[in-house]
C-alpha atoms as a PDB file:
ATOM      1  CA  MET A   1       5.252 -38.223   3.527  1.00  0.00           C
ATOM      2  CA  SER A   2       5.468 -36.580   6.924  1.00  0.00           C
ATOM      3  CA  PRO A   3       5.109 -38.586  10.152  1.00  0.00           C
ATOM      4  CA  LEU A   4       1.996 -36.563  10.969  1.00  0.00           C
ATOM      5  CA  ALA A   5       0.290 -37.761   7.809  1.00  0.00           C
ATOM      6  CA  GLN A   6       1.308 -41.347   8.524  1.00  0.00           C
ATOM      7  CA  ALA A   7      -0.098 -41.262  12.054  1.00  0.00           C
ATOM      8  CA  PRO A   8      -3.068 -43.594  12.549  1.00  0.00           C
ATOM      9  CA  HIS A   9      -6.502 -42.173  13.032  1.00  0.00           C
ATOM     10  CA  GLY A  10      -7.489 -41.732  16.687  1.00  0.00           C
ATOM     11  CA  PHE A  11      -9.590 -39.717  19.094  1.00  0.00           C
ATOM     12  CA  LEU A  12      -7.181 -36.748  18.979  1.00  0.00           C
ATOM     13  CA  SER A  13      -7.554 -36.413  15.204  1.00  0.00           C
ATOM     14  CA  PRO A  14     -11.296 -36.581  14.501  1.00  0.00           C
ATOM     15  CA  THR A  15     -12.664 -36.392  10.997  1.00  0.00           C
ATOM     16  CA  GLY A  16     -15.316 -33.992   9.782  1.00  0.00           C
ATOM     17  CA  VAL A  17     -17.982 -36.685  10.024  1.00  0.00           C
ATOM     18  CA  GLU A  18     -17.118 -37.355  13.666  1.00  0.00           C
ATOM     19  CA  VAL A  19     -17.179 -33.636  14.507  1.00  0.00           C
ATOM     20  CA  ALA A  20     -20.575 -33.282  12.804  1.00  0.00           C
ATOM     21  CA  PHE A  21     -21.822 -36.346  14.688  1.00  0.00           C
ATOM     22  CA  VAL A  22     -20.893 -34.810  18.040  1.00  0.00           C
ATOM     23  CA  LEU A  23     -22.403 -31.421  17.184  1.00  0.00           C
ATOM     24  CA  VAL A  24     -25.676 -32.924  15.951  1.00  0.00           C
ATOM     25  CA  GLY A  25     -25.747 -35.113  19.056  1.00  0.00           C
ATOM     26  CA  LEU A  26     -25.474 -32.055  21.301  1.00  0.00           C
ATOM     27  CA  VAL A  27     -28.293 -30.304  19.428  1.00  0.00           C
ATOM     28  CA  THR A  28     -30.444 -33.429  19.662  1.00  0.00           C
ATOM     29  CA  PHE A  29     -29.768 -33.757  23.386  1.00  0.00           C
ATOM     30  CA  GLY A  30     -30.670 -30.099  23.966  1.00  0.00           C
ATOM     31  CA  ALA A  31     -33.911 -30.446  21.988  1.00  0.00           C
ATOM     32  CA  ALA A  32     -34.858 -33.568  23.947  1.00  0.00           C
ATOM     33  CA  LEU A  33     -34.125 -31.772  27.223  1.00  0.00           C
ATOM     34  CA  VAL A  34     -36.337 -28.819  26.249  1.00  0.00           C
ATOM     35  CA  THR A  35     -39.086 -31.254  25.171  1.00  0.00           C
ATOM     36  CA  VAL A  36     -39.416 -32.754  28.651  1.00  0.00           C
ATOM     37  CA  THR A  37     -38.930 -29.513  30.604  1.00  0.00           C
ATOM     38  CA  THR A  38     -41.136 -26.991  28.785  1.00  0.00           C
ATOM     39  CA  ARG A  39     -44.636 -26.275  30.087  1.00  0.00           C
ATOM     40  CA  GLN A  40     -46.070 -25.481  26.648  1.00  0.00           C
ATOM     41  CA  LEU A  41     -47.405 -28.622  25.007  1.00  0.00           C
ATOM     42  CA  VAL A  42     -47.214 -27.338  21.440  1.00  0.00           C
ATOM     43  CA  HIS A  43     -43.614 -26.212  21.938  1.00  0.00           C
ATOM     44  CA  ALA A  44     -42.809 -29.639  23.376  1.00  0.00           C
ATOM     45  CA  ALA A  45     -44.190 -31.293  20.224  1.00  0.00           C
ATOM     46  CA  LEU A  46     -42.149 -28.985  17.973  1.00  0.00           C
ATOM     47  CA  TRP A  47     -38.952 -29.581  19.944  1.00  0.00           C
ATOM     48  CA  LEU A  48     -39.663 -33.293  19.658  1.00  0.00           C
ATOM     49  CA  VAL A  49     -39.539 -32.837  15.881  1.00  0.00           C
ATOM     50  CA  VAL A  50     -36.052 -31.330  16.253  1.00  0.00           C
ATOM     51  CA  ALA A  51     -34.904 -34.204  18.478  1.00  0.00           C
ATOM     52  CA  LEU A  52     -36.218 -36.898  16.135  1.00  0.00           C
ATOM     53  CA  GLY A  53     -34.782 -35.068  13.114  1.00  0.00           C
ATOM     54  CA  GLY A  54     -31.395 -34.937  14.838  1.00  0.00           C
ATOM     55  CA  LEU A  55     -31.523 -38.710  15.299  1.00  0.00           C
ATOM     56  CA  ALA A  56     -32.231 -39.084  11.584  1.00  0.00           C
ATOM     57  CA  VAL A  57     -29.150 -36.983  10.796  1.00  0.00           C
ATOM     58  CA  GLU A  58     -27.091 -39.173  13.126  1.00  0.00           C
ATOM     59  CA  TYR A  59     -28.241 -42.258  11.218  1.00  0.00           C
ATOM     60  CA  LEU A  60     -27.223 -40.588   7.966  1.00  0.00           C
ATOM     61  CA  LEU A  61     -23.768 -39.856   9.345  1.00  0.00           C
ATOM     62  CA  LEU A  62     -23.476 -43.543  10.292  1.00  0.00           C
ATOM     63  CA  THR A  63     -24.254 -44.506   6.656  1.00  0.00           C
ATOM     64  CA  ALA A  64     -27.648 -45.942   7.674  1.00  0.00           C
ATOM     65  CA  GLU A  65     -29.724 -44.164   5.037  1.00  0.00           C
ATOM     66  CA  PHE A  66     -32.682 -46.548   5.222  1.00  0.00           C
ATOM     67  CA  ILE A  67     -33.008 -46.212   9.014  1.00  0.00           C
ATOM     68  CA  ALA A  68     -32.705 -42.441   8.691  1.00  0.00           C
ATOM     69  CA  TRP A  69     -35.577 -42.176   6.229  1.00  0.00           C
ATOM     70  CA  VAL A  70     -37.684 -44.565   8.313  1.00  0.00           C
ATOM     71  CA  GLN A  71     -37.021 -42.253  11.268  1.00  0.00           C
ATOM     72  CA  VAL A  72     -38.218 -39.253   9.253  1.00  0.00           C
ATOM     73  CA  LEU A  73     -41.284 -40.906   7.717  1.00  0.00           C
ATOM     74  CA  ILE A  74     -42.575 -42.775  10.776  1.00  0.00           C
ATOM     75  CA  TYR A  75     -41.553 -40.668  13.763  1.00  0.00           C
ATOM     76  CA  VAL A  76     -41.329 -37.135  12.385  1.00  0.00           C
ATOM     77  CA  GLY A  77     -44.048 -37.596   9.767  1.00  0.00           C
ATOM     78  CA  SER A  78     -46.519 -39.749  11.687  1.00  0.00           C
ATOM     79  CA  VAL A  79     -45.973 -39.791  15.433  1.00  0.00           C
ATOM     80  CA  VAL A  80     -45.521 -36.027  15.820  1.00  0.00           C
ATOM     81  CA  VAL A  81     -48.492 -35.304  13.534  1.00  0.00           C
ATOM     82  CA  LEU A  82     -50.582 -37.719  15.602  1.00  0.00           C
ATOM     83  CA  LEU A  83     -49.432 -35.945  18.761  1.00  0.00           C
ATOM     84  CA  LEU A  84     -50.392 -32.535  17.345  1.00  0.00           C
ATOM     85  CA  PHE A  85     -53.817 -33.836  16.281  1.00  0.00           C
ATOM     86  CA  GLY A  86     -54.274 -35.233  19.786  1.00  0.00           C
ATOM     87  CA  LEU A  87     -53.474 -31.832  21.290  1.00  0.00           C
ATOM     88  CA  MET A  88     -55.993 -30.142  18.995  1.00  0.00           C
ATOM     89  CA  LEU A  89     -58.796 -32.678  19.443  1.00  0.00           C
ATOM     90  CA  THR A  90     -58.466 -32.731  23.236  1.00  0.00           C
ATOM     91  CA  LYS A  91     -58.472 -28.919  23.356  1.00  0.00           C
ATOM     92  CA  ALA A  92     -55.173 -28.838  25.227  1.00  0.00           C
ATOM     93  CA  PRO A  93     -53.950 -25.416  26.416  1.00  0.00           C
ATOM     94  CA  ILE A  94     -51.785 -23.629  23.867  1.00  0.00           C
ATOM     95  CA  GLY A  95     -49.801 -21.464  26.283  1.00  0.00           C
ATOM     96  CA  ARG A  96     -48.055 -22.231  29.548  1.00  0.00           C
ATOM     97  CA  SER A  97     -49.981 -24.700  31.680  1.00  0.00           C
ATOM     98  CA  GLN A  98     -49.375 -25.827  35.232  1.00  0.00           C
ATOM     99  CA  ASP A  99     -50.998 -29.152  34.365  1.00  0.00           C
ATOM    100  CA  ALA A 100     -48.019 -29.921  32.110  1.00  0.00           C
ATOM    101  CA  ASP A 101     -45.733 -29.917  35.147  1.00  0.00           C
ATOM    102  CA  SER A 102     -45.381 -32.638  37.752  1.00  0.00           C
ATOM    103  CA  GLY A 103     -44.296 -32.691  41.353  1.00  0.00           C
ATOM    104  CA  ASN A 104     -42.301 -35.853  40.687  1.00  0.00           C
ATOM    105  CA  ARG A 105     -39.721 -34.048  38.568  1.00  0.00           C
ATOM    106  CA  TRP A 106     -36.713 -35.098  40.654  1.00  0.00           C
ATOM    107  CA  ILE A 107     -37.846 -38.726  40.770  1.00  0.00           C
ATOM    108  CA  ALA A 108     -38.338 -38.691  37.000  1.00  0.00           C
ATOM    109  CA  LEU A 109     -34.885 -37.143  36.559  1.00  0.00           C
ATOM    110  CA  ALA A 110     -33.268 -39.849  38.698  1.00  0.00           C
ATOM    111  CA  VAL A 111     -35.049 -42.608  36.765  1.00  0.00           C
ATOM    112  CA  ALA A 112     -34.072 -41.029  33.425  1.00  0.00           C
ATOM    113  CA  VAL A 113     -30.404 -40.703  34.442  1.00  0.00           C
ATOM    114  CA  ALA A 114     -30.328 -44.307  35.687  1.00  0.00           C
ATOM    115  CA  ALA A 115     -31.955 -45.594  32.483  1.00  0.00           C
ATOM    116  CA  ALA A 116     -29.563 -43.574  30.307  1.00  0.00           C
ATOM    117  CA  ALA A 117     -26.533 -44.826  32.246  1.00  0.00           C
ATOM    118  CA  ALA A 118     -27.704 -48.453  31.971  1.00  0.00           C
ATOM    119  CA  LEU A 119     -28.368 -48.092  28.231  1.00  0.00           C
ATOM    120  CA  ALA A 120     -24.984 -46.440  27.624  1.00  0.00           C
ATOM    121  CA  TRP A 121     -23.199 -49.156  29.586  1.00  0.00           C
ATOM    122  CA  VAL A 122     -24.951 -51.945  27.645  1.00  0.00           C
ATOM    123  CA  VAL A 123     -24.224 -50.346  24.255  1.00  0.00           C
ATOM    124  CA  VAL A 124     -20.580 -49.583  25.063  1.00  0.00           C
ATOM    125  CA  ASP A 125     -20.001 -53.078  26.464  1.00  0.00           C
ATOM    126  CA  ALA A 126     -21.645 -54.743  23.459  1.00  0.00           C
ATOM    127  CA  PHE A 127     -19.901 -52.663  20.763  1.00  0.00           C
ATOM    128  CA  ARG A 128     -16.641 -51.827  22.495  1.00  0.00           C
ATOM    129  CA  THR A 129     -14.449 -53.275  19.738  1.00  0.00           C
ATOM    130  CA  THR A 130     -16.817 -52.619  16.832  1.00  0.00           C
ATOM    131  CA  TRP A 131     -15.864 -49.883  14.358  1.00  0.00           C
ATOM    132  CA  ILE A 132     -17.925 -48.591  11.459  1.00  0.00           C
ATOM    133  CA  ASP A 133     -16.069 -48.005   8.226  1.00  0.00           C
ATOM    134  CA  LEU A 134     -17.562 -44.707   7.101  1.00  0.00           C
ATOM    135  CA  ASP A 135     -15.527 -44.763   3.881  1.00  0.00           C
ATOM    136  CA  GLY A 136     -16.556 -48.283   2.886  1.00  0.00           C
ATOM    137  CA  ALA A 137     -19.780 -49.717   1.491  1.00  0.00           C
ATOM    138  CA  ALA A 138     -23.049 -48.572   3.018  1.00  0.00           C
ATOM    139  CA  ALA A 139     -23.889 -50.780   5.992  1.00  0.00           C
ATOM    140  CA  GLY A 140     -27.392 -49.429   6.491  1.00  0.00           C
ATOM    141  CA  SER A 141     -28.866 -49.898   3.041  1.00  0.00           C
ATOM    142  CA  THR A 142     -32.272 -51.457   2.457  1.00  0.00           C
ATOM    143  CA  LYS A 143     -30.807 -54.781   1.315  1.00  0.00           C
ATOM    144  CA  VAL A 144     -28.442 -55.146   4.277  1.00  0.00           C
ATOM    145  CA  THR A 145     -31.032 -54.017   6.827  1.00  0.00           C
ATOM    146  CA  GLY A 146     -33.751 -56.312   5.441  1.00  0.00           C
ATOM    147  CA  ALA A 147     -31.441 -59.319   5.339  1.00  0.00           C
ATOM    148  CA  SER A 148     -30.279 -58.747   8.916  1.00  0.00           C
ATOM    149  CA  LEU A 149     -33.800 -58.061  10.179  1.00  0.00           C
ATOM    150  CA  PHE A 150     -35.536 -61.081   8.671  1.00  0.00           C
ATOM    151  CA  GLN A 151     -32.667 -63.528   9.169  1.00  0.00           C
ATOM    152  CA  ASN A 152     -31.182 -62.753  12.568  1.00  0.00           C
ATOM    153  CA  TRP A 153     -33.856 -60.625  14.273  1.00  0.00           C
ATOM    154  CA  VAL A 154     -37.133 -62.018  12.949  1.00  0.00           C
ATOM    155  CA  LEU A 155     -38.346 -63.401  16.309  1.00  0.00           C
ATOM    156  CA  PRO A 156     -37.692 -60.152  18.269  1.00  0.00           C
ATOM    157  CA  PHE A 157     -39.318 -58.230  15.409  1.00  0.00           C
ATOM    158  CA  GLU A 158     -42.488 -60.342  15.596  1.00  0.00           C
ATOM    159  CA  ALA A 159     -42.505 -60.193  19.405  1.00  0.00           C
ATOM    160  CA  LEU A 160     -42.322 -56.401  19.227  1.00  0.00           C
ATOM    161  CA  SER A 161     -45.237 -56.361  16.761  1.00  0.00           C
ATOM    162  CA  VAL A 162     -47.376 -58.445  19.135  1.00  0.00           C
ATOM    163  CA  LEU A 163     -46.381 -56.191  22.048  1.00  0.00           C
ATOM    164  CA  LEU A 164     -47.438 -53.066  20.144  1.00  0.00           C
ATOM    165  CA  LEU A 165     -50.735 -54.706  19.183  1.00  0.00           C
ATOM    166  CA  ALA A 166     -51.392 -55.637  22.819  1.00  0.00           C
ATOM    167  CA  ALA A 167     -50.614 -52.064  23.894  1.00  0.00           C
ATOM    168  CA  LEU A 168     -53.042 -50.710  21.289  1.00  0.00           C
ATOM    169  CA  VAL A 169     -55.838 -53.063  22.378  1.00  0.00           C
ATOM    170  CA  GLY A 170     -55.172 -52.244  26.045  1.00  0.00           C
ATOM    171  CA  ALA A 171     -55.348 -48.508  25.365  1.00  0.00           C
ATOM    172  CA  ILE A 172     -58.715 -48.941  23.616  1.00  0.00           C
ATOM    173  CA  VAL A 173     -60.107 -51.048  26.472  1.00  0.00           C
ATOM    174  CA  LEU A 174     -58.938 -48.603  29.148  1.00  0.00           C
ATOM    175  CA  SER A 175     -60.334 -45.587  27.287  1.00  0.00           C
ATOM    176  CA  ARG A 176     -63.741 -47.246  26.824  1.00  0.00           C
ATOM    177  CA  LYS A 177     -63.813 -48.295  30.481  1.00  0.00           C
ATOM    178  CA  ALA A 178     -62.956 -44.795  31.682  1.00  0.00           C
ATOM    179  CA  LYS A 179     -65.611 -43.330  29.372  1.00  0.00           C
ATOM    180  CA  ALA A 180     -68.239 -45.758  30.682  1.00  0.00           C
ATOM    181  CA  GLU A 181     -67.386 -44.970  34.322  1.00  0.00           C
ATOM    182  CA  SER A 182     -67.602 -41.218  33.738  1.00  0.00           C
ATOM    183  CA  ALA A 183     -70.989 -41.425  31.970  1.00  0.00           C
ATOM    184  CA  PRO A 184     -74.095 -40.583  34.126  1.00  0.00           C
ATOM    185  CA  PRO A 185     -76.647 -43.345  34.859  1.00  0.00           C
ATOM    186  CA  PRO A 186     -79.481 -43.839  32.325  1.00  0.00           C
ATOM    187  CA  VAL A 187     -82.927 -42.348  32.941  1.00  0.00           C
ATOM    188  CA  ASN A 188     -86.022 -44.270  31.724  1.00  0.00           C
ATOM    189  CA  GLY A 189     -83.798 -46.578  29.689  1.00  0.00           C
ATOM    190  CA  ARG A 190     -82.093 -43.661  27.900  1.00  0.00           C
ATOM    191  CA  PRO A 191     -78.590 -42.330  28.670  1.00  0.00           C
ATOM    192  CA  VAL A 192     -78.404 -38.819  30.048  1.00  0.00           C
ATOM    193  CA  THR A 193     -76.499 -36.450  27.786  1.00  0.00           C
ATOM    194  CA  GLN A 194     -74.389 -33.548  28.959  1.00  0.00           C
ATOM    195  CA  SER A 195     -77.114 -31.088  28.053  1.00  0.00           C
ATOM    196  CA  SER A 196     -79.764 -32.874  30.117  1.00  0.00           C
ATOM    197  CA  PRO A 197     -79.882 -32.440  33.917  1.00  0.00           C
ATOM    198  CA  SER A 198     -78.921 -35.331  36.167  1.00  0.00           C
ATOM    199  CA  VAL A 199     -81.165 -37.351  38.463  1.00  0.00           C
ATOM    200  CA  THR A 200     -81.644 -35.950  41.946  1.00  0.00           C
ATOM    201  CA  ASP A 201     -81.156 -37.811  45.205  1.00  0.00           C
ATOM    202  CA  SER A 202     -84.889 -38.577  45.421  1.00  0.00           C
ATOM    203  CA  GLY A 203     -84.686 -40.687  42.260  1.00  0.00           C
ATOM    204  CA  ILE A 204     -86.942 -38.313  40.266  1.00  0.00           C
ATOM    205  CA  HIS A 205     -85.706 -36.589  37.153  1.00  0.00           C
ATOM    206  CA  PRO A 206     -85.709 -32.765  37.356  1.00  0.00           C
ATOM    207  CA  ILE A 207     -87.950 -32.564  34.277  1.00  0.00           C
ATOM    208  CA  GLU A 208     -90.525 -34.760  36.005  1.00  0.00           C
ATOM    209  CA  GLN A 209     -90.313 -32.556  39.095  1.00  0.00           C
ATOM    210  CA  GLU A 210     -90.954 -29.453  36.994  1.00  0.00           C
ATOM    211  CA  SER A 211     -93.999 -31.057  35.368  1.00  0.00           C
ATOM    212  CA  GLU A 212     -95.372 -31.998  38.793  1.00  0.00           C
ATOM    213  CA  ARG A 213     -94.881 -28.443  40.034  1.00  0.00           C
ATOM    214  CA  ASP A 214     -96.655 -27.076  36.944  1.00  0.00           C
ATOM    215  CA  THR A 215     -99.578 -29.444  37.542  1.00  0.00           C
ATOM    216  CA  GLU A 216     -99.844 -28.373  41.167  1.00  0.00           C
ATOM    217  CA  GLN A 217     -99.768 -24.693  40.200  1.00  0.00           C
ATOM    218  CA  GLU A 218    -102.509 -25.216  37.597  1.00  0.00           C
ATOM    219  CA  SER A 219    -104.701 -27.041  40.117  1.00  0.00           C
ATOM    220  CA  GLU A 220    -104.173 -24.232  42.639  1.00  0.00           C
ATOM    221  CA  ARG A 221    -105.150 -21.636  40.011  1.00  0.00           C
ATOM    222  CA  ASP A 222    -108.310 -23.637  39.131  1.00  0.00           C
ATOM    223  CA  THR A 223    -109.251 -23.852  42.808  1.00  0.00           C
ATOM    224  CA  GLU A 224    -108.790 -20.109  43.261  1.00  0.00           C
ATOM    225  CA  GLN A 225    -110.903 -19.376  40.166  1.00  0.00           C
ATOM    226  CA  GLU A 226    -113.718 -21.634  41.382  1.00  0.00           C
ATOM    227  CA  SER A 227    -113.673 -20.006  44.814  1.00  0.00           C
ATOM    228  CA  GLU A 228    -113.834 -16.553  43.195  1.00  0.00           C
ATOM    229  CA  ARG A 229    -116.813 -17.594  41.046  1.00  0.00           C
ATOM    230  CA  ASP A 230    -118.594 -18.968  44.096  1.00  0.00           C
ATOM    231  CA  ASN A 231    -118.023 -15.720  45.975  1.00  0.00           C
ATOM    232  CA  GLU A 232    -119.348 -13.709  43.013  1.00  0.00           C
ATOM    233  CA  GLN A 233    -122.491 -15.853  42.805  1.00  0.00           C
ATOM    234  CA  GLU A 234    -123.142 -15.516  46.539  1.00  0.00           C
ATOM    235  CA  GLY A 235    -122.674 -11.732  46.322  1.00  0.00           C
ATOM    236  CA  ALA A 236    -125.120 -11.573  43.381  1.00  0.00           C
ATOM    237  CA  ARG A 237    -127.778 -13.482  45.369  1.00  0.00           C
END
């Protein structure tokens, strides 16, 4: 056996799985970058599908099949569909929109770079000496993941569930409050719809003002008719 074949595996001799991991990572990073920079909301949602699908492929390459399929079913199959339904129901613009851009782009970029650097430093420091045996038994199977989740991470899992529930309840409360503040004041005990005119500064509803004007015009017409009849009777005498 040649010395080259006996050389230990290292960074200068990557395997096909490692090369595929890097390539898929670059595609995922590019899709995520386009997602946050495009001004077309529908295109952003579709590029988000590519980014989340790339993460699922990365999990597959790390022999975490269960996590990969959870990524596909929950994020690609549910979150993105929910986002697309939200775009359709809110009548969001399909093409390029200036509202999809923000003047705080550089601040957001600085925060994103700082968060990414902190996350990378924490992950590298925590798993510096940890290696995944890609040729061994699957480390991300349903049995292994469930045992690790409900034995070692059950308290963080439950805390995350409560946090998501609190976020959902808070979103409902804020949306109802904003809807109540934007609604016009009620008139005669009934809420004013969008099709009905609003109350004027005098405190009188426009419909009531129109009825008063009609009554005044009718009384003026009756007065004119009576005066004409009186003039005709006087002329006849």
